[in-house]
Amino acid sequence: MDLHILDHKLRVTSISKTGLQQYTHPLIKLIFLRNRTRCKFFSLTETPENYTVVLDEEGFKELQPSEHLQVEGSTWLPLNVVSNGNTSSSSQAVGVTKIAKSVIAPLAEQHVSVFMLSTYQTDFILVREKDLSVVVETLVEEFNIFREEGGESVPVHSQDACNGLQRNGREVPHATVHPVLIPENQFCVMSLDPDTLPAIATTLIDVLFYSNSPKEGASVDQDMKCIKFFSFSLIDGYVSLVMDTEAQRQFPADLLFTSSSGELWRMARIGGQPLGFDECGIVAQISQPLADSDISAYYISTFSFDHALIRSHFCK
């Protein structure tokens, strides 16, 4: 398999719900006015606590500093696994399950923190730029590694990235067992032709910015039956949406498309308190058991918590 280090340098940010009004214009620009921004990697996820925005350096310029914007201090690089042109059949596991053992687990063993972003099209594994040498050294035996530069895929060899560095050899601390909440609402993983975005603009703006959401700082009660979760990504011209079935009903059915089976997903929300960005192995804890059972799962990290999406029939 091939592992591509994509030509994006990303920032992970959070916008408070009380400060959303200040950022509505730049967010609308990044979503709908692709010709007026040079941003090529944009993801916006609403959770009960806040809005997580992951975007490249060009997009980050659109967000003005304020008390309502939190920025994780690192620059992140997105990795993408390509199965040498072989597409998975509908009977095979999809999502993070495909890369749990080959990518997620080895990086956790090397104490590399990852930020996951699954989309309708693929899975992005975000790693800190400063950890790249360890990432390459860890995965070079399993993958052909390429770094995208100016539209070209340049082979990366261990010595090129590491300059003689060895694996960090740090002992991974005992993994923390985080609580998991499984709300009752069911979710869809969908896409659409980006040229049809104007046709759903009113609905998308309403769902993202005017829906009834828990107040800023509100905690998610363990007995809460449903939680607010909506994710929109526009990455290199491809659109991905994750929404629950209630939100889906607000969109024109003929514009959104999903897998041929039209399957629904249940969410496992990981974390009782905000997880932070330094703990390693959280994604591995969730994805490895699912991979062992060949259960498909999408995985979306946010500024505060992690979220795994699992086919509904496995959650009964």
C-alpha atoms as a PDB file:
ATOM      1  CA  MET A   1       0.000   0.000   0.000  1.00  0.00           C
ATOM      2  CA  ASP A   2       0.981   3.618  -0.496  1.00  0.00           C
ATOM      3  CA  LEU A   3       0.976   6.309   2.167  1.00  0.00           C
ATOM      4  CA  HIS A   4       0.753   9.882   0.917  1.00  0.00           C
ATOM      5  CA  ILE A   5       1.809  12.924   2.925  1.00  0.00           C
ATOM      6  CA  LEU A   6      -0.514  15.488   1.401  1.00  0.00           C
ATOM      7  CA  ASP A   7       0.558  18.974   0.398  1.00  0.00           C
ATOM      8  CA  HIS A   8      -1.405  20.770   3.118  1.00  0.00           C
ATOM      9  CA  LYS A   9      -0.297  22.368   6.362  1.00  0.00           C
ATOM     10  CA  LEU A  10      -3.266  22.422   8.694  1.00  0.00           C
ATOM     11  CA  ARG A  11      -4.411  24.187  11.831  1.00  0.00           C
ATOM     12  CA  VAL A  12      -6.952  22.770  14.269  1.00  0.00           C
ATOM     13  CA  THR A  13      -9.195  25.421  15.798  1.00  0.00           C
ATOM     14  CA  SER A  14     -12.351  25.799  17.853  1.00  0.00           C
ATOM     15  CA  ILE A  15     -14.988  28.531  17.636  1.00  0.00           C
ATOM     16  CA  SER A  16     -17.214  29.018  20.663  1.00  0.00           C
ATOM     17  CA  LYS A  17     -20.938  29.004  20.065  1.00  0.00           C
ATOM     18  CA  THR A  18     -21.329  32.389  21.701  1.00  0.00           C
ATOM     19  CA  GLY A  19     -18.787  33.803  19.245  1.00  0.00           C
ATOM     20  CA  LEU A  20     -20.102  32.144  16.095  1.00  0.00           C
ATOM     21  CA  GLN A  21     -21.680  35.358  14.814  1.00  0.00           C
ATOM     22  CA  GLN A  22     -18.218  36.898  14.524  1.00  0.00           C
ATOM     23  CA  TYR A  23     -17.085  34.103  12.171  1.00  0.00           C
ATOM     24  CA  THR A  24     -20.218  33.492  10.101  1.00  0.00           C
ATOM     25  CA  HIS A  25     -18.993  35.537   7.117  1.00  0.00           C
ATOM     26  CA  PRO A  26     -15.553  33.872   6.763  1.00  0.00           C
ATOM     27  CA  LEU A  27     -17.092  30.417   7.238  1.00  0.00           C
ATOM     28  CA  ILE A  28     -19.696  31.053   4.533  1.00  0.00           C
ATOM     29  CA  LYS A  29     -16.908  32.281   2.259  1.00  0.00           C
ATOM     30  CA  LEU A  30     -14.879  29.113   2.864  1.00  0.00           C
ATOM     31  CA  ILE A  31     -17.889  26.856   2.233  1.00  0.00           C
ATOM     32  CA  PHE A  32     -19.576  28.490  -0.742  1.00  0.00           C
ATOM     33  CA  LEU A  33     -17.138  30.900  -2.414  1.00  0.00           C
ATOM     34  CA  ARG A  34     -14.373  28.553  -3.494  1.00  0.00           C
ATOM     35  CA  ASN A  35     -13.240  30.932  -6.231  1.00  0.00           C
ATOM     36  CA  ARG A  36     -12.598  33.710  -3.702  1.00  0.00           C
ATOM     37  CA  THR A  37     -10.300  31.778  -1.418  1.00  0.00           C
ATOM     38  CA  ARG A  38      -7.195  29.664  -1.943  1.00  0.00           C
ATOM     39  CA  CYS A  39      -8.204  27.284   0.832  1.00  0.00           C
ATOM     40  CA  LYS A  40      -8.104  23.654  -0.358  1.00  0.00           C
ATOM     41  CA  PHE A  41      -8.666  21.825   2.933  1.00  0.00           C
ATOM     42  CA  PHE A  42     -11.634  22.844   5.081  1.00  0.00           C
ATOM     43  CA  SER A  43     -13.640  20.910   7.655  1.00  0.00           C
ATOM     44  CA  LEU A  44     -16.289  22.255  10.040  1.00  0.00           C
ATOM     45  CA  THR A  45     -17.872  20.069  12.728  1.00  0.00           C
ATOM     46  CA  GLU A  46     -20.540  21.180  15.172  1.00  0.00           C
ATOM     47  CA  THR A  47     -20.820  19.391  18.507  1.00  0.00           C
ATOM     48  CA  PRO A  48     -22.776  20.403  21.623  1.00  0.00           C
ATOM     49  CA  GLU A  49     -19.722  22.259  22.953  1.00  0.00           C
ATOM     50  CA  ASN A  50     -18.342  24.215  19.997  1.00  0.00           C
ATOM     51  CA  TYR A  51     -17.428  24.261  16.315  1.00  0.00           C
ATOM     52  CA  THR A  52     -14.194  22.507  15.338  1.00  0.00           C
ATOM     53  CA  VAL A  53     -12.618  23.999  12.220  1.00  0.00           C
ATOM     54  CA  VAL A  54      -9.681  22.256  10.526  1.00  0.00           C
ATOM     55  CA  LEU A  55      -8.224  24.188   7.621  1.00  0.00           C
ATOM     56  CA  ASP A  56      -5.051  24.917   5.722  1.00  0.00           C
ATOM     57  CA  GLU A  57      -2.903  28.013   6.093  1.00  0.00           C
ATOM     58  CA  GLU A  58      -4.810  29.933   3.414  1.00  0.00           C
ATOM     59  CA  GLY A  59      -8.115  29.244   5.127  1.00  0.00           C
ATOM     60  CA  PHE A  60      -6.669  30.036   8.544  1.00  0.00           C
ATOM     61  CA  LYS A  61      -5.934  33.570   7.342  1.00  0.00           C
ATOM     62  CA  GLU A  62      -9.702  34.129   7.122  1.00  0.00           C
ATOM     63  CA  LEU A  63     -10.188  33.600  10.876  1.00  0.00           C
ATOM     64  CA  GLN A  64      -9.372  36.702  12.869  1.00  0.00           C
ATOM     65  CA  PRO A  65      -7.979  36.195  16.388  1.00  0.00           C
ATOM     66  CA  SER A  66     -10.465  36.740  19.198  1.00  0.00           C
ATOM     67  CA  GLU A  67     -11.434  35.422  22.598  1.00  0.00           C
ATOM     68  CA  HIS A  68     -13.895  33.096  20.850  1.00  0.00           C
ATOM     69  CA  LEU A  69     -11.251  31.331  18.738  1.00  0.00           C
ATOM     70  CA  GLN A  70      -9.005  28.653  20.231  1.00  0.00           C
ATOM     71  CA  VAL A  71      -6.073  27.441  18.153  1.00  0.00           C
ATOM     72  CA  GLU A  72      -4.095  24.281  18.849  1.00  0.00           C
ATOM     73  CA  GLY A  73      -0.481  25.389  18.654  1.00  0.00           C
ATOM     74  CA  SER A  74       0.881  22.794  16.225  1.00  0.00           C
ATOM     75  CA  THR A  75       0.958  22.554  12.458  1.00  0.00           C
ATOM     76  CA  TRP A  76      -0.603  19.266  11.327  1.00  0.00           C
ATOM     77  CA  LEU A  77       0.045  17.240   8.173  1.00  0.00           C
ATOM     78  CA  PRO A  78      -2.650  14.995   6.650  1.00  0.00           C
ATOM     79  CA  LEU A  79      -1.733  11.438   5.679  1.00  0.00           C
ATOM     80  CA  ASN A  80      -3.799   9.299   3.337  1.00  0.00           C
ATOM     81  CA  VAL A  81      -3.540   5.574   2.609  1.00  0.00           C
ATOM     82  CA  VAL A  82      -4.049   4.452  -0.986  1.00  0.00           C
ATOM     83  CA  SER A  83      -4.554   0.739  -1.629  1.00  0.00           C
ATOM     84  CA  ASN A  84      -2.662   0.765  -4.931  1.00  0.00           C
ATOM     85  CA  GLY A  85      -5.812   1.482  -6.890  1.00  0.00           C
ATOM     86  CA  ASN A  86      -7.804  -1.361  -5.385  1.00  0.00           C
ATOM     87  CA  THR A  87     -11.230  -0.255  -4.252  1.00  0.00           C
ATOM     88  CA  SER A  88     -13.005  -1.977  -1.399  1.00  0.00           C
ATOM     89  CA  SER A  89     -16.162  -3.920  -2.109  1.00  0.00           C
ATOM     90  CA  SER A  90     -19.300  -3.182  -0.142  1.00  0.00           C
ATOM     91  CA  SER A  91     -18.747  -6.323   1.935  1.00  0.00           C
ATOM     92  CA  GLN A  92     -15.343  -5.189   3.167  1.00  0.00           C
ATOM     93  CA  ALA A  93     -14.687  -3.031   6.183  1.00  0.00           C
ATOM     94  CA  VAL A  94     -14.423   0.665   5.425  1.00  0.00           C
ATOM     95  CA  GLY A  95     -13.267   3.759   7.235  1.00  0.00           C
ATOM     96  CA  VAL A  96     -10.672   3.768   9.989  1.00  0.00           C
ATOM     97  CA  THR A  97     -11.008  -0.018  10.347  1.00  0.00           C
ATOM     98  CA  LYS A  98      -8.911  -0.486   7.193  1.00  0.00           C
ATOM     99  CA  ILE A  99      -5.918   1.312   8.687  1.00  0.00           C
ATOM    100  CA  ALA A 100      -6.266   0.487  12.391  1.00  0.00           C
ATOM    101  CA  LYS A 101      -3.556  -2.175  12.464  1.00  0.00           C
ATOM    102  CA  SER A 102      -1.243  -0.831   9.766  1.00  0.00           C
ATOM    103  CA  VAL A 103      -1.188   2.872  10.726  1.00  0.00           C
ATOM    104  CA  ILE A 104      -3.055   3.774  13.913  1.00  0.00           C
ATOM    105  CA  ALA A 105      -1.654   1.081  16.217  1.00  0.00           C
ATOM    106  CA  PRO A 106       2.033   1.457  15.181  1.00  0.00           C
ATOM    107  CA  LEU A 107       1.869   5.231  15.648  1.00  0.00           C
ATOM    108  CA  ALA A 108       0.284   4.800  19.081  1.00  0.00           C
ATOM    109  CA  GLU A 109       3.110   2.440  20.038  1.00  0.00           C
ATOM    110  CA  GLN A 110       5.573   5.178  19.085  1.00  0.00           C
ATOM    111  CA  HIS A 111       3.699   7.742  21.170  1.00  0.00           C
ATOM    112  CA  VAL A 112       2.554   9.747  18.147  1.00  0.00           C
ATOM    113  CA  SER A 113      -0.700  11.601  18.716  1.00  0.00           C
ATOM    114  CA  VAL A 114      -3.115  11.554  15.774  1.00  0.00           C
ATOM    115  CA  PHE A 115      -6.188  13.583  14.869  1.00  0.00           C
ATOM    116  CA  MET A 116      -8.598  11.607  12.680  1.00  0.00           C
ATOM    117  CA  LEU A 117     -10.925  12.939  10.019  1.00  0.00           C
ATOM    118  CA  SER A 118     -12.976  10.366   8.131  1.00  0.00           C
ATOM    119  CA  THR A 119     -14.942  11.589   5.132  1.00  0.00           C
ATOM    120  CA  TYR A 120     -17.275  10.012   2.593  1.00  0.00           C
ATOM    121  CA  GLN A 121     -14.329   9.600   0.221  1.00  0.00           C
ATOM    122  CA  THR A 122     -11.404   8.625   2.447  1.00  0.00           C
ATOM    123  CA  ASP A 123      -9.726   8.844   5.855  1.00  0.00           C
ATOM    124  CA  PHE A 124      -7.212  11.526   6.785  1.00  0.00           C
ATOM    125  CA  ILE A 125      -4.741  10.830   9.573  1.00  0.00           C
ATOM    126  CA  LEU A 126      -3.406  14.151  10.866  1.00  0.00           C
ATOM    127  CA  VAL A 127      -0.022  14.126  12.599  1.00  0.00           C
ATOM    128  CA  ARG A 128       2.009  16.991  13.971  1.00  0.00           C
ATOM    129  CA  GLU A 129       4.642  18.253  11.558  1.00  0.00           C
ATOM    130  CA  LYS A 130       7.308  17.837  14.240  1.00  0.00           C
ATOM    131  CA  ASP A 131       6.453  14.114  14.489  1.00  0.00           C
ATOM    132  CA  LEU A 132       6.866  13.422  10.772  1.00  0.00           C
ATOM    133  CA  SER A 133      10.303  11.831  11.069  1.00  0.00           C
ATOM    134  CA  VAL A 134       9.000   9.336  13.637  1.00  0.00           C
ATOM    135  CA  VAL A 135       5.928   8.658  11.480  1.00  0.00           C
ATOM    136  CA  VAL A 136       8.061   7.849   8.437  1.00  0.00           C
ATOM    137  CA  GLU A 137      10.493   5.708  10.412  1.00  0.00           C
ATOM    138  CA  THR A 138       7.585   3.785  11.940  1.00  0.00           C
ATOM    139  CA  LEU A 139       5.638   3.132   8.737  1.00  0.00           C
ATOM    140  CA  VAL A 140       8.319   2.887   6.053  1.00  0.00           C
ATOM    141  CA  GLU A 141       8.512  -0.908   6.228  1.00  0.00           C
ATOM    142  CA  GLU A 142       4.761  -1.286   5.735  1.00  0.00           C
ATOM    143  CA  PHE A 143       4.145   1.388   3.087  1.00  0.00           C
ATOM    144  CA  ASN A 144       5.580   3.039   0.037  1.00  0.00           C
ATOM    145  CA  ILE A 145       5.629   6.615   1.313  1.00  0.00           C
ATOM    146  CA  PHE A 146       5.232   9.637  -0.948  1.00  0.00           C
ATOM    147  CA  ARG A 147       5.169  13.343  -0.204  1.00  0.00           C
ATOM    148  CA  GLU A 148       3.051  15.486  -2.480  1.00  0.00           C
ATOM    149  CA  GLU A 149       4.853  18.613  -3.611  1.00  0.00           C
ATOM    150  CA  GLY A 150       3.423  20.928  -6.246  1.00  0.00           C
ATOM    151  CA  GLY A 151       1.157  18.245  -7.658  1.00  0.00           C
ATOM    152  CA  GLU A 152       3.924  15.636  -7.850  1.00  0.00           C
ATOM    153  CA  SER A 153       4.288  12.560  -5.632  1.00  0.00           C
ATOM    154  CA  VAL A 154       7.900  12.373  -4.470  1.00  0.00           C
ATOM    155  CA  PRO A 155       9.100   9.109  -2.859  1.00  0.00           C
ATOM    156  CA  VAL A 156      10.165   9.489   0.759  1.00  0.00           C
ATOM    157  CA  HIS A 157      12.783   7.206   2.227  1.00  0.00           C
ATOM    158  CA  SER A 158      13.438   6.762   5.898  1.00  0.00           C
ATOM    159  CA  GLN A 159      16.795   8.515   5.819  1.00  0.00           C
ATOM    160  CA  ASP A 160      15.322  11.456   3.879  1.00  0.00           C
ATOM    161  CA  ALA A 161      12.852  12.366   6.603  1.00  0.00           C
ATOM    162  CA  CYS A 162      14.729  11.190   9.646  1.00  0.00           C
ATOM    163  CA  ASN A 163      18.346  12.182   8.990  1.00  0.00           C
ATOM    164  CA  GLY A 164      19.486   9.222  11.025  1.00  0.00           C
ATOM    165  CA  LEU A 165      16.890   9.606  13.785  1.00  0.00           C
ATOM    166  CA  GLN A 166      15.707   6.385  15.340  1.00  0.00           C
ATOM    167  CA  ARG A 167      12.255   5.665  16.620  1.00  0.00           C
ATOM    168  CA  ASN A 168      11.643   7.655  19.733  1.00  0.00           C
ATOM    169  CA  GLY A 169      11.654   4.571  21.930  1.00  0.00           C
ATOM    170  CA  ARG A 170       9.547   6.254  24.594  1.00  0.00           C
ATOM    171  CA  GLU A 171       7.432   3.937  26.652  1.00  0.00           C
ATOM    172  CA  VAL A 172       3.779   4.548  26.013  1.00  0.00           C
ATOM    173  CA  PRO A 173       2.018   5.270  29.303  1.00  0.00           C
ATOM    174  CA  HIS A 174      -0.807   3.018  30.367  1.00  0.00           C
ATOM    175  CA  ALA A 175      -3.827   3.922  28.271  1.00  0.00           C
ATOM    176  CA  THR A 176      -6.615   5.820  29.978  1.00  0.00           C
ATOM    177  CA  VAL A 177     -10.012   4.199  29.633  1.00  0.00           C
ATOM    178  CA  HIS A 178     -12.398   6.958  28.613  1.00  0.00           C
ATOM    179  CA  PRO A 179     -16.175   6.795  29.029  1.00  0.00           C
ATOM    180  CA  VAL A 180     -18.205   6.262  25.876  1.00  0.00           C
ATOM    181  CA  LEU A 181     -21.636   7.730  25.202  1.00  0.00           C
ATOM    182  CA  ILE A 182     -23.842   6.203  22.489  1.00  0.00           C
ATOM    183  CA  PRO A 183     -26.741   8.551  21.695  1.00  0.00           C
ATOM    184  CA  GLU A 184     -29.888   7.233  20.076  1.00  0.00           C
ATOM    185  CA  ASN A 185     -29.876   9.323  16.918  1.00  0.00           C
ATOM    186  CA  GLN A 186     -28.723   7.642  13.712  1.00  0.00           C
ATOM    187  CA  PHE A 187     -26.343   9.238  11.236  1.00  0.00           C
ATOM    188  CA  CYS A 188     -25.700   9.311   7.499  1.00  0.00           C
ATOM    189  CA  VAL A 189     -22.335   9.689   5.770  1.00  0.00           C
ATOM    190  CA  MET A 190     -23.039  11.478   2.504  1.00  0.00           C
ATOM    191  CA  SER A 191     -21.621  13.538  -0.327  1.00  0.00           C
ATOM    192  CA  LEU A 192     -22.746  15.800  -3.143  1.00  0.00           C
ATOM    193  CA  ASP A 193     -21.448  17.423  -6.288  1.00  0.00           C
ATOM    194  CA  PRO A 194     -19.715  20.650  -5.130  1.00  0.00           C
ATOM    195  CA  ASP A 195     -21.316  22.477  -8.049  1.00  0.00           C
ATOM    196  CA  THR A 196     -24.710  21.891  -6.399  1.00  0.00           C
ATOM    197  CA  LEU A 197     -23.698  23.603  -3.144  1.00  0.00           C
ATOM    198  CA  PRO A 198     -25.609  26.794  -4.098  1.00  0.00           C
ATOM    199  CA  ALA A 199     -28.796  24.730  -4.367  1.00  0.00           C
ATOM    200  CA  ILE A 200     -28.577  23.693  -0.708  1.00  0.00           C
ATOM    201  CA  ALA A 201     -27.043  26.921   0.597  1.00  0.00           C
ATOM    202  CA  THR A 202     -30.111  28.083   2.521  1.00  0.00           C
ATOM    203  CA  THR A 203     -30.616  24.705   4.184  1.00  0.00           C
ATOM    204  CA  LEU A 204     -26.934  24.252   4.997  1.00  0.00           C
ATOM    205  CA  ILE A 205     -26.661  27.723   6.533  1.00  0.00           C
ATOM    206  CA  ASP A 206     -29.794  27.076   8.578  1.00  0.00           C
ATOM    207  CA  VAL A 207     -28.528  23.728   9.888  1.00  0.00           C
ATOM    208  CA  LEU A 208     -25.038  25.019  10.669  1.00  0.00           C
ATOM    209  CA  PHE A 209     -25.748  28.445  12.087  1.00  0.00           C
ATOM    210  CA  TYR A 210     -29.381  28.666  13.136  1.00  0.00           C
ATOM    211  CA  SER A 211     -30.273  25.240  14.494  1.00  0.00           C
ATOM    212  CA  ASN A 212     -31.271  24.857  18.110  1.00  0.00           C
ATOM    213  CA  SER A 213     -28.114  23.705  19.875  1.00  0.00           C
ATOM    214  CA  PRO A 214     -27.156  23.350  23.534  1.00  0.00           C
ATOM    215  CA  LYS A 215     -25.789  26.523  25.055  1.00  0.00           C
ATOM    216  CA  GLU A 216     -22.079  27.246  25.205  1.00  0.00           C
ATOM    217  CA  GLY A 217     -20.338  25.095  27.778  1.00  0.00           C
ATOM    218  CA  ALA A 218     -23.328  22.835  28.267  1.00  0.00           C
ATOM    219  CA  SER A 219     -22.314  19.339  29.245  1.00  0.00           C
ATOM    220  CA  VAL A 220     -23.649  16.247  27.550  1.00  0.00           C
ATOM    221  CA  ASP A 221     -25.655  14.364  30.123  1.00  0.00           C
ATOM    222  CA  GLN A 222     -25.031  10.639  30.131  1.00  0.00           C
ATOM    223  CA  ASP A 223     -28.783  10.106  29.810  1.00  0.00           C
ATOM    224  CA  MET A 224     -29.084  12.426  26.805  1.00  0.00           C
ATOM    225  CA  LYS A 225     -30.863  10.537  24.064  1.00  0.00           C
ATOM    226  CA  CYS A 226     -29.556  12.571  21.132  1.00  0.00           C
ATOM    227  CA  ILE A 227     -26.653  14.944  20.604  1.00  0.00           C
ATOM    228  CA  LYS A 228     -26.041  17.632  18.033  1.00  0.00           C
ATOM    229  CA  PHE A 229     -23.402  16.557  15.524  1.00  0.00           C
ATOM    230  CA  PHE A 230     -22.988  17.872  12.001  1.00  0.00           C
ATOM    231  CA  SER A 231     -19.810  17.730   9.948  1.00  0.00           C
ATOM    232  CA  PHE A 232     -19.081  19.385   6.607  1.00  0.00           C
ATOM    233  CA  SER A 233     -15.808  18.948   4.724  1.00  0.00           C
ATOM    234  CA  LEU A 234     -14.626  20.453   1.451  1.00  0.00           C
ATOM    235  CA  ILE A 235     -11.222  18.979   0.698  1.00  0.00           C
ATOM    236  CA  ASP A 236      -9.496  19.237  -2.669  1.00  0.00           C
ATOM    237  CA  GLY A 237     -12.863  19.730  -4.355  1.00  0.00           C
ATOM    238  CA  TYR A 238     -14.687  16.836  -2.674  1.00  0.00           C
ATOM    239  CA  VAL A 239     -17.618  17.375  -0.308  1.00  0.00           C
ATOM    240  CA  SER A 240     -18.429  15.128   2.647  1.00  0.00           C
ATOM    241  CA  LEU A 241     -21.299  15.505   5.100  1.00  0.00           C
ATOM    242  CA  VAL A 242     -22.115  13.650   8.298  1.00  0.00           C
ATOM    243  CA  MET A 243     -25.527  14.397   9.792  1.00  0.00           C
ATOM    244  CA  ASP A 244     -28.266  12.662  11.706  1.00  0.00           C
ATOM    245  CA  THR A 245     -31.457  11.547  10.015  1.00  0.00           C
ATOM    246  CA  GLU A 246     -33.398  14.533  11.363  1.00  0.00           C
ATOM    247  CA  ALA A 247     -31.026  16.965   9.647  1.00  0.00           C
ATOM    248  CA  GLN A 248     -30.973  14.830   6.501  1.00  0.00           C
ATOM    249  CA  ARG A 249     -34.716  15.274   6.042  1.00  0.00           C
ATOM    250  CA  GLN A 250     -34.192  19.017   5.593  1.00  0.00           C
ATOM    251  CA  PHE A 251     -32.060  18.535   2.459  1.00  0.00           C
ATOM    252  CA  PRO A 252     -33.285  17.726  -1.072  1.00  0.00           C
ATOM    253  CA  ALA A 253     -32.993  13.957  -1.406  1.00  0.00           C
ATOM    254  CA  ASP A 254     -32.006  14.124  -5.065  1.00  0.00           C
ATOM    255  CA  LEU A 255     -28.814  16.116  -4.397  1.00  0.00           C
ATOM    256  CA  LEU A 256     -27.222  14.082  -1.607  1.00  0.00           C
ATOM    257  CA  PHE A 257     -25.836  10.634  -2.264  1.00  0.00           C
ATOM    258  CA  THR A 258     -24.562   7.860  -0.070  1.00  0.00           C
ATOM    259  CA  SER A 259     -23.553   4.227  -0.497  1.00  0.00           C
ATOM    260  CA  SER A 260     -25.831   1.974  -2.516  1.00  0.00           C
ATOM    261  CA  SER A 261     -27.028   0.273   0.669  1.00  0.00           C
ATOM    262  CA  GLY A 262     -28.081   3.583   2.223  1.00  0.00           C
ATOM    263  CA  GLU A 263     -26.844   2.337   5.577  1.00  0.00           C
ATOM    264  CA  LEU A 264     -27.248   4.261   8.813  1.00  0.00           C
ATOM    265  CA  TRP A 265     -24.621   4.693  11.511  1.00  0.00           C
ATOM    266  CA  ARG A 266     -24.656   5.031  15.298  1.00  0.00           C
ATOM    267  CA  MET A 267     -22.182   7.220  17.114  1.00  0.00           C
ATOM    268  CA  ALA A 268     -19.871   6.414  19.990  1.00  0.00           C
ATOM    269  CA  ARG A 269     -18.668   9.632  21.584  1.00  0.00           C
ATOM    270  CA  ILE A 270     -15.390   9.117  23.439  1.00  0.00           C
ATOM    271  CA  GLY A 271     -14.492  11.149  26.508  1.00  0.00           C
ATOM    272  CA  GLY A 272     -16.133  12.428  29.659  1.00  0.00           C
ATOM    273  CA  GLN A 273     -13.894  15.498  29.827  1.00  0.00           C
ATOM    274  CA  PRO A 274     -12.125  17.236  26.912  1.00  0.00           C
ATOM    275  CA  LEU A 275      -9.435  14.874  25.653  1.00  0.00           C
ATOM    276  CA  GLY A 276      -6.778  17.384  24.662  1.00  0.00           C
ATOM    277  CA  PHE A 277      -4.225  16.702  21.944  1.00  0.00           C
ATOM    278  CA  ASP A 278      -1.290  15.049  23.681  1.00  0.00           C
ATOM    279  CA  GLU A 279      -2.689  11.713  24.816  1.00  0.00           C
ATOM    280  CA  CYS A 280      -1.771   8.897  22.438  1.00  0.00           C
ATOM    281  CA  GLY A 281      -3.632   5.697  21.687  1.00  0.00           C
ATOM    282  CA  ILE A 282      -7.237   6.883  21.975  1.00  0.00           C
ATOM    283  CA  VAL A 283      -8.025   6.153  18.324  1.00  0.00           C
ATOM    284  CA  ALA A 284      -6.199   2.812  18.584  1.00  0.00           C
ATOM    285  CA  GLN A 285      -8.248   1.798  21.645  1.00  0.00           C
ATOM    286  CA  ILE A 286     -11.448   2.189  19.648  1.00  0.00           C
ATOM    287  CA  SER A 287     -10.371   1.145  16.163  1.00  0.00           C
ATOM    288  CA  GLN A 288      -8.357  -1.991  16.943  1.00  0.00           C
ATOM    289  CA  PRO A 289     -11.186  -4.030  18.529  1.00  0.00           C
ATOM    290  CA  LEU A 290     -13.439  -3.003  15.647  1.00  0.00           C
ATOM    291  CA  ALA A 291     -10.778  -4.071  13.151  1.00  0.00           C
ATOM    292  CA  ASP A 292     -10.379  -7.414  14.938  1.00  0.00           C
ATOM    293  CA  SER A 293     -14.101  -7.998  14.390  1.00  0.00           C
ATOM    294  CA  ASP A 294     -14.033  -6.550  10.854  1.00  0.00           C
ATOM    295  CA  ILE A 295     -16.542  -3.857  11.827  1.00  0.00           C
ATOM    296  CA  SER A 296     -16.501  -0.744   9.662  1.00  0.00           C
ATOM    297  CA  ALA A 297     -16.129   2.584  11.435  1.00  0.00           C
ATOM    298  CA  TYR A 298     -15.654   6.201  10.521  1.00  0.00           C
ATOM    299  CA  TYR A 299     -13.772   8.335  13.027  1.00  0.00           C
ATOM    300  CA  ILE A 300     -13.934  12.099  13.478  1.00  0.00           C
ATOM    301  CA  SER A 301     -11.813  13.873  16.063  1.00  0.00           C
ATOM    302  CA  THR A 302     -12.892  17.289  17.297  1.00  0.00           C
ATOM    303  CA  PHE A 303     -11.331  19.924  19.519  1.00  0.00           C
ATOM    304  CA  SER A 304     -12.851  18.407  22.661  1.00  0.00           C
ATOM    305  CA  PHE A 305     -13.920  14.813  22.004  1.00  0.00           C
ATOM    306  CA  ASP A 306     -13.597  11.920  19.558  1.00  0.00           C
ATOM    307  CA  HIS A 307     -16.465  10.323  17.652  1.00  0.00           C
ATOM    308  CA  ALA A 308     -16.658   6.879  16.053  1.00  0.00           C
ATOM    309  CA  LEU A 309     -19.473   6.017  13.657  1.00  0.00           C
ATOM    310  CA  ILE A 310     -20.432   2.341  13.543  1.00  0.00           C
ATOM    311  CA  ARG A 311     -23.054   0.653  11.380  1.00  0.00           C
ATOM    312  CA  SER A 312     -26.362   0.684  13.232  1.00  0.00           C
ATOM    313  CA  HIS A 313     -26.937  -3.064  13.213  1.00  0.00           C
ATOM    314  CA  PHE A 314     -23.762  -3.586  15.267  1.00  0.00           C
ATOM    315  CA  CYS A 315     -25.111  -1.351  18.058  1.00  0.00           C
ATOM    316  CA  LYS A 316     -28.313  -3.223  18.804  1.00  0.00           C
END
